[in-house]
Amino acid sequence: ENNNEDDIVSICIISDRVEGLLGTLGSISLHSATPSLISVTLITTERRILKRLEEEGGELYQLHIRKRLGSIRVVTVEEAVDSLTTLGRVPVWKWAEFGHSGTWDAEEFGPSPSPFPSS
């Protein structure tokens, strides 16, 4: 099977929750027609997350996630912030507006990304 770089699907997940990651990665792996073309980057505060996935996921992780997905890479939050700021980008979780509830300010942020009309 000859695949080029354009065939690879990249997915980025930000989480420290092993149970949630096992469910998400398992679903991606089991429901994808070509899981070997999926590259996953996990952004986490826990460097040992792959070891925990292996320990707590058992057979699900070994047979259906690790062996089927193209790659799983771990990046710490600090590494992600450093990489983004080096590129001149500010991570969304560093925005002053992040985590605040309220209405979408179209003048400040542009059109709402939500498919639902604002109230």
Protein backbone atom coordinates (compact mmCIF):
# COMPACT_ATOMS: atom_id res chain seq x y z
CA GLU A 1 0.00 0.00 0.00
CA ASN A 2 1.59 3.25 -1.12
CA ASN A 3 0.18 6.31 0.58
CA ASN A 4 1.48 9.81 0.36
CA GLU A 5 1.49 12.51 3.00
CA ASP A 6 -1.72 14.00 1.60
CA ASP A 7 -3.59 10.80 2.57
CA ILE A 8 -2.80 11.18 6.29
CA VAL A 9 -5.51 12.57 8.55
CA SER A 10 -4.19 14.48 11.58
CA ILE A 11 -6.26 14.66 14.75
CA CYS A 12 -5.37 16.72 17.82
CA ILE A 13 -6.95 15.90 21.19
CA ILE A 14 -6.39 17.91 24.37
CA SER A 15 -7.10 15.74 27.41
CA ASP A 16 -5.71 14.05 30.53
CA ARG A 17 -8.72 11.75 30.95
CA VAL A 18 -7.62 8.18 30.25
CA GLU A 19 -11.19 6.82 30.10
CA GLY A 20 -12.27 9.49 27.64
CA LEU A 21 -9.17 9.02 25.51
CA LEU A 22 -9.66 5.25 25.37
CA GLY A 23 -13.23 5.73 24.17
CA THR A 24 -12.30 8.41 21.64
CA LEU A 25 -9.23 6.62 20.26
CA GLY A 26 -11.06 3.29 20.19
CA SER A 27 -13.96 4.80 18.29
CA ILE A 28 -11.64 6.50 15.79
CA SER A 29 -9.71 3.28 15.25
CA LEU A 30 -12.69 0.95 14.98
CA HIS A 31 -14.87 3.20 12.80
CA SER A 32 -12.26 4.43 10.33
CA ALA A 33 -11.93 2.69 6.97
CA THR A 34 -8.16 3.31 7.04
CA PRO A 35 -7.01 3.82 10.64
CA SER A 36 -3.37 3.37 9.63
CA LEU A 37 -3.62 6.75 7.88
CA ILE A 38 -4.62 8.55 11.09
CA SER A 39 -2.01 10.47 13.04
CA VAL A 40 -3.09 11.52 16.55
CA THR A 41 -1.43 14.19 18.67
CA LEU A 42 -2.39 14.19 22.34
CA ILE A 43 -1.83 17.48 24.15
CA THR A 44 -1.73 16.73 27.85
CA THR A 45 -0.23 17.75 31.17
CA GLU A 46 0.77 14.14 31.78
CA ARG A 47 3.87 12.87 29.98
CA ARG A 48 3.04 9.25 30.99
CA ILE A 49 -0.37 9.28 29.30
CA LEU A 50 0.57 6.56 26.77
CA LYS A 51 1.76 4.28 29.58
CA ARG A 52 -1.51 4.87 31.45
CA LEU A 53 -3.54 4.17 28.29
CA GLU A 54 -1.63 0.90 27.88
CA GLU A 55 -2.06 -0.09 31.54
CA GLU A 56 -5.71 0.87 31.89
CA GLY A 57 -6.84 0.09 28.34
CA GLY A 58 -5.48 -3.45 28.20
CA GLU A 59 -6.57 -5.35 25.09
CA LEU A 60 -8.60 -2.42 23.72
CA TYR A 61 -5.49 -0.28 23.62
CA GLN A 62 -3.08 -2.99 22.46
CA LEU A 63 -5.16 -4.55 19.67
CA HIS A 64 -7.54 -1.85 18.54
CA ILE A 65 -5.75 1.42 19.14
CA ARG A 66 -1.96 1.09 19.18
CA LYS A 67 -1.72 -1.49 16.39
CA ARG A 68 -4.35 0.08 14.11
CA LEU A 69 -3.74 3.83 14.26
CA GLY A 70 -0.90 5.24 12.18
CA SER A 71 0.71 7.10 15.07
CA ILE A 72 0.02 8.57 18.49
CA ARG A 73 2.27 11.38 19.66
CA VAL A 74 2.27 13.06 23.07
CA VAL A 75 2.95 16.78 23.45
CA THR A 76 2.82 18.49 26.82
CA VAL A 77 0.78 21.67 27.18
CA GLU A 78 4.02 23.57 27.76
CA GLU A 79 5.53 22.19 24.54
CA ALA A 80 2.37 23.11 22.62
CA VAL A 81 2.42 26.67 24.00
CA ASP A 82 6.13 27.05 23.18
CA SER A 83 5.63 25.72 19.65
CA LEU A 84 2.64 27.96 18.95
CA THR A 85 4.23 31.10 20.39
CA THR A 86 7.39 30.44 18.34
CA LEU A 87 5.13 30.53 15.28
CA GLY A 88 3.62 33.82 16.48
CA ARG A 89 0.32 32.20 17.52
CA VAL A 90 -1.48 32.48 20.85
CA PRO A 91 -3.14 29.24 22.00
CA VAL A 92 -6.89 29.65 22.44
CA TRP A 93 -6.66 28.61 26.11
CA LYS A 94 -4.42 31.66 26.67
CA TRP A 95 -6.96 34.11 25.25
CA ALA A 96 -8.50 36.44 27.85
CA GLU A 97 -11.94 35.44 26.53
CA PHE A 98 -11.35 31.70 26.93
CA GLY A 99 -13.57 30.09 29.54
CA HIS A 100 -15.95 33.03 29.83
CA SER A 101 -19.60 32.37 29.17
CA GLY A 102 -21.77 34.91 27.49
CA THR A 103 -22.88 35.93 24.07
CA TRP A 104 -20.64 35.91 21.03
CA ASP A 105 -19.33 39.39 20.26
CA ALA A 106 -19.37 39.47 16.45
CA GLU A 107 -17.65 42.87 16.32
CA GLU A 108 -14.72 41.56 18.33
CA PHE A 109 -14.51 37.94 17.14
CA GLY A 110 -16.19 37.92 13.72
CA PRO A 111 -19.10 35.70 12.68
CA SER A 112 -20.09 33.04 15.19
CA PRO A 113 -18.58 29.62 14.51
CA SER A 114 -21.73 28.02 15.91
CA PRO A 115 -24.24 26.61 13.43
CA PHE A 116 -27.00 27.73 15.81
CA PRO A 117 -28.32 31.29 15.91
CA SER A 118 -27.33 33.28 18.98
CA SER A 119 -30.08 34.19 21.40
